[in-house]
Amino acid sequence: MGRFSELFAEADAAFNGAYKKELDNLTGLSKKEIDAVTPGTEDLRIYSVLVKVVEQASKKNISKAQLANDIKELGDIAVKIAKKIPELASLL
């Protein structure tokens, strides 16, 4: 695990940070739930980036306003996916 120690530490920080619940719910979305927003490969790509944005927000403990702004910057598809998570929907 030595060479991956930093990656494990980053994952722990993200999954135990300020947005733990949001991140858990977001990563729990099924492909079917994501496809319901907009079918195709683009939504999965945006979903992947959205997960990374929430991970970083959790790890760095950024404000809710900044997280909402970051999600909005990803575009309409990201906002629609985020709105499937009640805690994120309340930010948008």
PDB file of N, CA and C in Angstrom:
ATOM      1  N   MET A   1       0.826  -1.195   0.000  1.00  0.00           N
ATOM      2  CA  MET A   1       0.000   0.000   0.000  1.00  0.00           C
ATOM      3  C   MET A   1       0.866   1.253   0.000  1.00  0.00           C
ATOM      4  N   GLY A   2       2.157   1.124   0.227  1.00  0.00           N
ATOM      5  CA  GLY A   2       3.073   2.243   0.359  1.00  0.00           C
ATOM      6  C   GLY A   2       2.957   3.300  -0.709  1.00  0.00           C
ATOM      7  N   ARG A   3       3.028   2.895  -1.975  1.00  0.00           N
ATOM      8  CA  ARG A   3       3.008   3.913  -3.027  1.00  0.00           C
ATOM      9  C   ARG A   3       1.629   4.515  -3.242  1.00  0.00           C
ATOM     10  N   PHE A   4       0.609   3.907  -2.677  1.00  0.00           N
ATOM     11  CA  PHE A   4      -0.756   4.429  -2.811  1.00  0.00           C
ATOM     12  C   PHE A   4      -1.237   5.135  -1.547  1.00  0.00           C
ATOM     13  N   SER A   5      -0.385   5.272  -0.568  1.00  0.00           N
ATOM     14  CA  SER A   5      -0.773   5.858   0.719  1.00  0.00           C
ATOM     15  C   SER A   5      -1.403   7.239   0.557  1.00  0.00           C
ATOM     16  N   GLU A   6      -0.811   8.052  -0.309  1.00  0.00           N
ATOM     17  CA  GLU A   6      -1.343   9.404  -0.513  1.00  0.00           C
ATOM     18  C   GLU A   6      -2.741   9.361  -1.133  1.00  0.00           C
ATOM     19  N   LEU A   7      -2.960   8.439  -2.073  1.00  0.00           N
ATOM     20  CA  LEU A   7      -4.286   8.311  -2.691  1.00  0.00           C
ATOM     21  C   LEU A   7      -5.322   7.856  -1.669  1.00  0.00           C
ATOM     22  N   PHE A   8      -4.939   6.917  -0.794  1.00  0.00           N
ATOM     23  CA  PHE A   8      -5.866   6.470   0.244  1.00  0.00           C
ATOM     24  C   PHE A   8      -6.181   7.620   1.209  1.00  0.00           C
ATOM     25  N   ALA A   9      -5.180   8.399   1.557  1.00  0.00           N
ATOM     26  CA  ALA A   9      -5.389   9.531   2.455  1.00  0.00           C
ATOM     27  C   ALA A   9      -6.330  10.554   1.824  1.00  0.00           C
ATOM     28  N   GLU A  10      -6.153  10.812   0.521  1.00  0.00           N
ATOM     29  CA  GLU A  10      -7.039  11.751  -0.174  1.00  0.00           C
ATOM     30  C   GLU A  10      -8.466  11.226  -0.225  1.00  0.00           C
ATOM     31  N   ALA A  11      -8.611   9.924  -0.500  1.00  0.00           N
ATOM     32  CA  ALA A  11      -9.952   9.325  -0.540  1.00  0.00           C
ATOM     33  C   ALA A  11     -10.607   9.403   0.830  1.00  0.00           C
ATOM     34  N   ASP A  12      -9.856   9.108   1.880  1.00  0.00           N
ATOM     35  CA  ASP A  12     -10.396   9.200   3.237  1.00  0.00           C
ATOM     36  C   ASP A  12     -10.844  10.616   3.548  1.00  0.00           C
ATOM     37  N   ALA A  13     -10.035  11.596   3.173  1.00  0.00           N
ATOM     38  CA  ALA A  13     -10.376  12.998   3.434  1.00  0.00           C
ATOM     39  C   ALA A  13     -11.660  13.386   2.715  1.00  0.00           C
ATOM     40  N   ALA A  14     -11.816  12.923   1.472  1.00  0.00           N
ATOM     41  CA  ALA A  14     -13.015  13.249   0.694  1.00  0.00           C
ATOM     42  C   ALA A  14     -14.247  12.564   1.265  1.00  0.00           C
ATOM     43  N   PHE A  15     -14.119  11.272   1.588  1.00  0.00           N
ATOM     44  CA  PHE A  15     -15.278  10.510   2.033  1.00  0.00           C
ATOM     45  C   PHE A  15     -15.604  10.705   3.507  1.00  0.00           C
ATOM     46  N   ASN A  16     -14.781  11.424   4.237  1.00  0.00           N
ATOM     47  CA  ASN A  16     -15.068  11.728   5.638  1.00  0.00           C
ATOM     48  C   ASN A  16     -15.200  13.225   5.859  1.00  0.00           C
ATOM     49  N   GLY A  17     -15.204  14.004   4.785  1.00  0.00           N
ATOM     50  CA  GLY A  17     -15.224  15.454   4.868  1.00  0.00           C
ATOM     51  C   GLY A  17     -16.618  16.039   5.011  1.00  0.00           C
ATOM     52  N   ALA A  18     -16.691  17.316   4.730  1.00  0.00           N
ATOM     53  CA  ALA A  18     -17.906  18.099   4.934  1.00  0.00           C
ATOM     54  C   ALA A  18     -19.095  17.610   4.117  1.00  0.00           C
ATOM     55  N   TYR A  19     -18.831  17.033   2.961  1.00  0.00           N
ATOM     56  CA  TYR A  19     -19.927  16.613   2.076  1.00  0.00           C
ATOM     57  C   TYR A  19     -19.988  15.094   1.950  1.00  0.00           C
ATOM     58  N   LYS A  20     -19.707  14.383   3.029  1.00  0.00           N
ATOM     59  CA  LYS A  20     -19.686  12.924   3.040  1.00  0.00           C
ATOM     60  C   LYS A  20     -21.022  12.342   2.572  1.00  0.00           C
ATOM     61  N   LYS A  21     -22.113  12.811   3.153  1.00  0.00           N
ATOM     62  CA  LYS A  21     -23.436  12.274   2.810  1.00  0.00           C
ATOM     63  C   LYS A  21     -23.760  12.525   1.335  1.00  0.00           C
ATOM     64  N   GLU A  22     -23.468  13.730   0.865  1.00  0.00           N
ATOM     65  CA  GLU A  22     -23.735  14.069  -0.523  1.00  0.00           C
ATOM     66  C   GLU A  22     -22.914  13.185  -1.460  1.00  0.00           C
ATOM     67  N   LEU A  23     -21.665  12.981  -1.105  1.00  0.00           N
ATOM     68  CA  LEU A  23     -20.782  12.160  -1.918  1.00  0.00           C
ATOM     69  C   LEU A  23     -21.240  10.706  -1.918  1.00  0.00           C
ATOM     70  N   ASP A  24     -21.628  10.198  -0.763  1.00  0.00           N
ATOM     71  CA  ASP A  24     -22.145   8.829  -0.686  1.00  0.00           C
ATOM     72  C   ASP A  24     -23.367   8.649  -1.580  1.00  0.00           C
ATOM     73  N   ASN A  25     -24.292   9.603  -1.501  1.00  0.00           N
ATOM     74  CA  ASN A  25     -25.513   9.510  -2.309  1.00  0.00           C
ATOM     75  C   ASN A  25     -25.217   9.675  -3.799  1.00  0.00           C
ATOM     76  N   LEU A  26     -24.319  10.566  -4.119  1.00  0.00           N
ATOM     77  CA  LEU A  26     -23.964  10.803  -5.516  1.00  0.00           C
ATOM     78  C   LEU A  26     -23.304   9.570  -6.130  1.00  0.00           C
ATOM     79  N   THR A  27     -22.375   8.969  -5.421  1.00  0.00           N
ATOM     80  CA  THR A  27     -21.701   7.787  -5.959  1.00  0.00           C
ATOM     81  C   THR A  27     -22.629   6.576  -5.972  1.00  0.00           C
ATOM     82  N   GLY A  28     -23.735   6.669  -5.262  1.00  0.00           N
ATOM     83  CA  GLY A  28     -24.703   5.576  -5.243  1.00  0.00           C
ATOM     84  C   GLY A  28     -25.715   5.616  -6.376  1.00  0.00           C
ATOM     85  N   LEU A  29     -25.686   6.657  -7.184  1.00  0.00           N
ATOM     86  CA  LEU A  29     -26.618   6.731  -8.318  1.00  0.00           C
ATOM     87  C   LEU A  29     -26.303   5.633  -9.324  1.00  0.00           C
ATOM     88  N   SER A  30     -27.334   5.032  -9.851  1.00  0.00           N
ATOM     89  CA  SER A  30     -27.153   3.999 -10.871  1.00  0.00           C
ATOM     90  C   SER A  30     -27.023   4.628 -12.254  1.00  0.00           C
ATOM     91  N   LYS A  31     -26.521   3.853 -13.185  1.00  0.00           N
ATOM     92  CA  LYS A  31     -26.416   4.324 -14.573  1.00  0.00           C
ATOM     93  C   LYS A  31     -27.801   4.688 -15.098  1.00  0.00           C
ATOM     94  N   LYS A  32     -28.791   3.911 -14.710  1.00  0.00           N
ATOM     95  CA  LYS A  32     -30.166   4.174 -15.146  1.00  0.00           C
ATOM     96  C   LYS A  32     -30.640   5.541 -14.631  1.00  0.00           C
ATOM     97  N   GLU A  33     -30.320   5.855 -13.383  1.00  0.00           N
ATOM     98  CA  GLU A  33     -30.711   7.150 -12.819  1.00  0.00           C
ATOM     99  C   GLU A  33     -29.991   8.292 -13.531  1.00  0.00           C
ATOM    100  N   ILE A  34     -28.733   8.071 -13.860  1.00  0.00           N
ATOM    101  CA  ILE A  34     -27.965   9.103 -14.569  1.00  0.00           C
ATOM    102  C   ILE A  34     -28.498   9.256 -15.987  1.00  0.00           C
ATOM    103  N   ASP A  35     -28.764   8.131 -16.666  1.00  0.00           N
ATOM    104  CA  ASP A  35     -29.299   8.168 -18.030  1.00  0.00           C
ATOM    105  C   ASP A  35     -30.664   8.839 -18.092  1.00  0.00           C
ATOM    106  N   ALA A  36     -31.409   8.819 -16.990  1.00  0.00           N
ATOM    107  CA  ALA A  36     -32.723   9.461 -16.971  1.00  0.00           C
ATOM    108  C   ALA A  36     -32.599  10.972 -17.162  1.00  0.00           C
ATOM    109  N   VAL A  37     -31.460  11.519 -16.795  1.00  0.00           N
ATOM    110  CA  VAL A  37     -31.233  12.959 -16.965  1.00  0.00           C
ATOM    111  C   VAL A  37     -31.039  13.267 -18.439  1.00  0.00           C
ATOM    112  N   THR A  38     -30.154  12.540 -19.070  1.00  0.00           N
ATOM    113  CA  THR A  38     -29.900  12.700 -20.489  1.00  0.00           C
ATOM    114  C   THR A  38     -29.143  11.485 -20.979  1.00  0.00           C
ATOM    115  N   PRO A  39     -29.777  10.651 -21.771  1.00  0.00           N
ATOM    116  CA  PRO A  39     -29.120   9.422 -22.223  1.00  0.00           C
ATOM    117  C   PRO A  39     -27.897   9.707 -23.088  1.00  0.00           C
ATOM    118  N   GLY A  40     -26.938   8.837 -23.013  1.00  0.00           N
ATOM    119  CA  GLY A  40     -25.738   8.966 -23.828  1.00  0.00           C
ATOM    120  C   GLY A  40     -24.489   8.974 -22.978  1.00  0.00           C
ATOM    121  N   THR A  41     -23.379   9.114 -23.639  1.00  0.00           N
ATOM    122  CA  THR A  41     -22.109   9.049 -22.934  1.00  0.00           C
ATOM    123  C   THR A  41     -21.722  10.360 -22.284  1.00  0.00           C
ATOM    124  N   GLU A  42     -22.219  11.461 -22.768  1.00  0.00           N
ATOM    125  CA  GLU A  42     -21.841  12.758 -22.215  1.00  0.00           C
ATOM    126  C   GLU A  42     -22.253  12.883 -20.753  1.00  0.00           C
ATOM    127  N   ASP A  43     -23.430  12.357 -20.407  1.00  0.00           N
ATOM    128  CA  ASP A  43     -23.882  12.467 -19.026  1.00  0.00           C
ATOM    129  C   ASP A  43     -22.975  11.686 -18.078  1.00  0.00           C
ATOM    130  N   LEU A  44     -22.453  10.547 -18.511  1.00  0.00           N
ATOM    131  CA  LEU A  44     -21.541   9.777 -17.661  1.00  0.00           C
ATOM    132  C   LEU A  44     -20.220  10.516 -17.464  1.00  0.00           C
ATOM    133  N   ARG A  45     -19.773  11.182 -18.480  1.00  0.00           N
ATOM    134  CA  ARG A  45     -18.543  11.978 -18.384  1.00  0.00           C
ATOM    135  C   ARG A  45     -18.744  13.133 -17.403  1.00  0.00           C
ATOM    136  N   ILE A  46     -19.856  13.801 -17.521  1.00  0.00           N
ATOM    137  CA  ILE A  46     -20.154  14.919 -16.621  1.00  0.00           C
ATOM    138  C   ILE A  46     -20.373  14.409 -15.201  1.00  0.00           C
ATOM    139  N   TYR A  47     -21.043  13.269 -15.070  1.00  0.00           N
ATOM    140  CA  TYR A  47     -21.236  12.655 -13.752  1.00  0.00           C
ATOM    141  C   TYR A  47     -19.895  12.390 -13.082  1.00  0.00           C
ATOM    142  N   SER A  48     -18.962  11.856 -13.831  1.00  0.00           N
ATOM    143  CA  SER A  48     -17.633  11.559 -13.302  1.00  0.00           C
ATOM    144  C   SER A  48     -16.943  12.825 -12.798  1.00  0.00           C
ATOM    145  N   VAL A  49     -17.035  13.899 -13.567  1.00  0.00           N
ATOM    146  CA  VAL A  49     -16.438  15.172 -13.157  1.00  0.00           C
ATOM    147  C   VAL A  49     -17.177  15.728 -11.939  1.00  0.00           C
ATOM    148  N   LEU A  50     -18.489  15.599 -11.921  1.00  0.00           N
ATOM    149  CA  LEU A  50     -19.286  16.067 -10.790  1.00  0.00           C
ATOM    150  C   LEU A  50     -18.858  15.361  -9.498  1.00  0.00           C
ATOM    151  N   VAL A  51     -18.655  14.064  -9.565  1.00  0.00           N
ATOM    152  CA  VAL A  51     -18.192  13.314  -8.398  1.00  0.00           C
ATOM    153  C   VAL A  51     -16.858  13.874  -7.918  1.00  0.00           C
ATOM    154  N   LYS A  52     -15.956  14.151  -8.849  1.00  0.00           N
ATOM    155  CA  LYS A  52     -14.641  14.704  -8.490  1.00  0.00           C
ATOM    156  C   LYS A  52     -14.787  16.084  -7.834  1.00  0.00           C
ATOM    157  N   VAL A  53     -15.693  16.896  -8.350  1.00  0.00           N
ATOM    158  CA  VAL A  53     -15.912  18.226  -7.786  1.00  0.00           C
ATOM    159  C   VAL A  53     -16.412  18.112  -6.344  1.00  0.00           C
ATOM    160  N   VAL A  54     -17.358  17.213  -6.098  1.00  0.00           N
ATOM    161  CA  VAL A  54     -17.887  17.037  -4.740  1.00  0.00           C
ATOM    162  C   VAL A  54     -16.820  16.423  -3.830  1.00  0.00           C
ATOM    163  N   GLU A  55     -16.021  15.502  -4.360  1.00  0.00           N
ATOM    164  CA  GLU A  55     -14.912  14.933  -3.572  1.00  0.00           C
ATOM    165  C   GLU A  55     -13.964  16.040  -3.121  1.00  0.00           C
ATOM    166  N   GLN A  56     -13.575  16.895  -4.050  1.00  0.00           N
ATOM    167  CA  GLN A  56     -12.652  17.981  -3.728  1.00  0.00           C
ATOM    168  C   GLN A  56     -13.281  18.948  -2.723  1.00  0.00           C
ATOM    169  N   ALA A  57     -14.559  19.234  -2.897  1.00  0.00           N
ATOM    170  CA  ALA A  57     -15.254  20.131  -1.972  1.00  0.00           C
ATOM    171  C   ALA A  57     -15.268  19.542  -0.569  1.00  0.00           C
ATOM    172  N   SER A  58     -15.495  18.249  -0.492  1.00  0.00           N
ATOM    173  CA  SER A  58     -15.527  17.575   0.796  1.00  0.00           C
ATOM    174  C   SER A  58     -14.148  17.570   1.436  1.00  0.00           C
ATOM    175  N   LYS A  59     -13.151  17.238   0.641  1.00  0.00           N
ATOM    176  CA  LYS A  59     -11.782  17.153   1.134  1.00  0.00           C
ATOM    177  C   LYS A  59     -11.275  18.509   1.617  1.00  0.00           C
ATOM    178  N   LYS A  60     -11.596  19.547   0.869  1.00  0.00           N
ATOM    179  CA  LYS A  60     -11.092  20.891   1.181  1.00  0.00           C
ATOM    180  C   LYS A  60     -12.051  21.701   2.043  1.00  0.00           C
ATOM    181  N   ASN A  61     -13.216  21.100   2.351  1.00  0.00           N
ATOM    182  CA  ASN A  61     -14.213  21.743   3.199  1.00  0.00           C
ATOM    183  C   ASN A  61     -14.606  23.124   2.667  1.00  0.00           C
ATOM    184  N   ILE A  62     -14.900  23.186   1.352  1.00  0.00           N
ATOM    185  CA  ILE A  62     -15.281  24.475   0.764  1.00  0.00           C
ATOM    186  C   ILE A  62     -16.724  24.814   1.139  1.00  0.00           C
ATOM    187  N   SER A  63     -17.075  26.049   0.966  1.00  0.00           N
ATOM    188  CA  SER A  63     -18.408  26.513   1.345  1.00  0.00           C
ATOM    189  C   SER A  63     -19.472  25.922   0.425  1.00  0.00           C
ATOM    190  N   LYS A  64     -20.689  25.904   0.931  1.00  0.00           N
ATOM    191  CA  LYS A  64     -21.813  25.424   0.130  1.00  0.00           C
ATOM    192  C   LYS A  64     -22.022  26.308  -1.095  1.00  0.00           C
ATOM    193  N   ALA A  65     -21.834  27.600  -0.908  1.00  0.00           N
ATOM    194  CA  ALA A  65     -22.003  28.535  -2.029  1.00  0.00           C
ATOM    195  C   ALA A  65     -20.986  28.251  -3.131  1.00  0.00           C
ATOM    196  N   GLN A  66     -19.753  27.981  -2.751  1.00  0.00           N
ATOM    197  CA  GLN A  66     -18.720  27.683  -3.746  1.00  0.00           C
ATOM    198  C   GLN A  66     -19.014  26.355  -4.439  1.00  0.00           C
ATOM    199  N   LEU A  67     -19.451  25.346  -3.675  1.00  0.00           N
ATOM    200  CA  LEU A  67     -19.799  24.060  -4.278  1.00  0.00           C
ATOM    201  C   LEU A  67     -20.941  24.248  -5.274  1.00  0.00           C
ATOM    202  N   ALA A  68     -21.958  24.999  -4.894  1.00  0.00           N
ATOM    203  CA  ALA A  68     -23.087  25.251  -5.799  1.00  0.00           C
ATOM    204  C   ALA A  68     -22.600  25.936  -7.068  1.00  0.00           C
ATOM    205  N   ASN A  69     -21.736  26.902  -6.929  1.00  0.00           N
ATOM    206  CA  ASN A  69     -21.195  27.615  -8.084  1.00  0.00           C
ATOM    207  C   ASN A  69     -20.398  26.667  -8.984  1.00  0.00           C
ATOM    208  N   ASP A  70     -19.580  25.827  -8.376  1.00  0.00           N
ATOM    209  CA  ASP A  70     -18.790  24.871  -9.156  1.00  0.00           C
ATOM    210  C   ASP A  70     -19.681  23.907  -9.935  1.00  0.00           C
ATOM    211  N   ILE A  71     -20.751  23.445  -9.300  1.00  0.00           N
ATOM    212  CA  ILE A  71     -21.685  22.536  -9.978  1.00  0.00           C
ATOM    213  C   ILE A  71     -22.355  23.256 -11.146  1.00  0.00           C
ATOM    214  N   LYS A  72     -22.785  24.469 -10.923  1.00  0.00           N
ATOM    215  CA  LYS A  72     -23.436  25.246 -11.984  1.00  0.00           C
ATOM    216  C   LYS A  72     -22.499  25.486 -13.160  1.00  0.00           C
ATOM    217  N   GLU A  73     -21.221  25.669 -12.875  1.00  0.00           N
ATOM    218  CA  GLU A  73     -20.236  25.885 -13.941  1.00  0.00           C
ATOM    219  C   GLU A  73     -20.079  24.655 -14.830  1.00  0.00           C
ATOM    220  N   LEU A  74     -20.379  23.481 -14.290  1.00  0.00           N
ATOM    221  CA  LEU A  74     -20.307  22.251 -15.094  1.00  0.00           C
ATOM    222  C   LEU A  74     -21.431  22.183 -16.126  1.00  0.00           C
ATOM    223  N   GLY A  75     -22.494  22.946 -15.919  1.00  0.00           N
ATOM    224  CA  GLY A  75     -23.584  23.011 -16.893  1.00  0.00           C
ATOM    225  C   GLY A  75     -24.864  22.354 -16.436  1.00  0.00           C
ATOM    226  N   ASP A  76     -25.849  22.396 -17.328  1.00  0.00           N
ATOM    227  CA  ASP A  76     -27.202  21.931 -17.020  1.00  0.00           C
ATOM    228  C   ASP A  76     -27.265  20.457 -16.652  1.00  0.00           C
ATOM    229  N   ILE A  77     -26.497  19.622 -17.342  1.00  0.00           N
ATOM    230  CA  ILE A  77     -26.548  18.182 -17.061  1.00  0.00           C
ATOM    231  C   ILE A  77     -26.050  17.922 -15.642  1.00  0.00           C
ATOM    232  N   ALA A  78     -24.964  18.568 -15.254  1.00  0.00           N
ATOM    233  CA  ALA A  78     -24.429  18.393 -13.899  1.00  0.00           C
ATOM    234  C   ALA A  78     -25.447  18.857 -12.861  1.00  0.00           C
ATOM    235  N   VAL A  79     -26.103  19.962 -13.118  1.00  0.00           N
ATOM    236  CA  VAL A  79     -27.112  20.471 -12.191  1.00  0.00           C
ATOM    237  C   VAL A  79     -28.260  19.473 -12.074  1.00  0.00           C
ATOM    238  N   LYS A  80     -28.711  18.921 -13.197  1.00  0.00           N
ATOM    239  CA  LYS A  80     -29.806  17.945 -13.166  1.00  0.00           C
ATOM    240  C   LYS A  80     -29.411  16.694 -12.392  1.00  0.00           C
ATOM    241  N   ILE A  81     -28.182  16.227 -12.579  1.00  0.00           N
ATOM    242  CA  ILE A  81     -27.718  15.050 -11.841  1.00  0.00           C
ATOM    243  C   ILE A  81     -27.610  15.384 -10.356  1.00  0.00           C
ATOM    244  N   ALA A  82     -27.035  16.527 -10.034  1.00  0.00           N
ATOM    245  CA  ALA A  82     -26.881  16.928  -8.634  1.00  0.00           C
ATOM    246  C   ALA A  82     -28.236  17.051  -7.941  1.00  0.00           C
ATOM    247  N   LYS A  83     -29.245  17.491  -8.673  1.00  0.00           N
ATOM    248  CA  LYS A  83     -30.577  17.656  -8.083  1.00  0.00           C
ATOM    249  C   LYS A  83     -31.221  16.325  -7.712  1.00  0.00           C
ATOM    250  N   LYS A  84     -30.656  15.219  -8.155  1.00  0.00           N
ATOM    251  CA  LYS A  84     -31.146  13.902  -7.746  1.00  0.00           C
ATOM    252  C   LYS A  84     -30.736  13.591  -6.304  1.00  0.00           C
ATOM    253  N   ILE A  85     -29.809  14.378  -5.771  1.00  0.00           N
ATOM    254  CA  ILE A  85     -29.347  14.229  -4.389  1.00  0.00           C
ATOM    255  C   ILE A  85     -29.948  15.376  -3.581  1.00  0.00           C
ATOM    256  N   PRO A  86     -30.880  15.072  -2.663  1.00  0.00           N
ATOM    257  CA  PRO A  86     -31.596  16.152  -1.949  1.00  0.00           C
ATOM    258  C   PRO A  86     -30.669  17.183  -1.313  1.00  0.00           C
ATOM    259  N   GLU A  87     -29.569  16.745  -0.720  1.00  0.00           N
ATOM    260  CA  GLU A  87     -28.662  17.679  -0.059  1.00  0.00           C
ATOM    261  C   GLU A  87     -27.986  18.622  -1.056  1.00  0.00           C
ATOM    262  N   LEU A  88     -27.729  18.135  -2.264  1.00  0.00           N
ATOM    263  CA  LEU A  88     -27.149  18.989  -3.299  1.00  0.00           C
ATOM    264  C   LEU A  88     -28.235  19.845  -3.942  1.00  0.00           C
ATOM    265  N   ALA A  89     -29.424  19.277  -4.115  1.00  0.00           N
ATOM    266  CA  ALA A  89     -30.528  20.022  -4.714  1.00  0.00           C
ATOM    267  C   ALA A  89     -30.842  21.273  -3.902  1.00  0.00           C
ATOM    268  N   SER A  90     -30.715  21.162  -2.585  1.00  0.00           N
ATOM    269  CA  SER A  90     -31.015  22.318  -1.731  1.00  0.00           C
ATOM    270  C   SER A  90     -30.006  23.451  -1.915  1.00  0.00           C
ATOM    271  N   LEU A  91     -28.851  23.145  -2.484  1.00  0.00           N
ATOM    272  CA  LEU A  91     -27.832  24.180  -2.744  1.00  0.00           C
ATOM    273  C   LEU A  91     -28.086  24.913  -4.060  1.00  0.00           C
ATOM    274  N   LEU A  92     -28.829  24.268  -4.949  1.00  0.00           N
ATOM    275  CA  LEU A  92     -28.946  24.789  -6.323  1.00  0.00           C
ATOM    276  C   LEU A  92     -30.221  25.550  -6.552  1.00  0.00           C
TER     277      LEU A  92
END
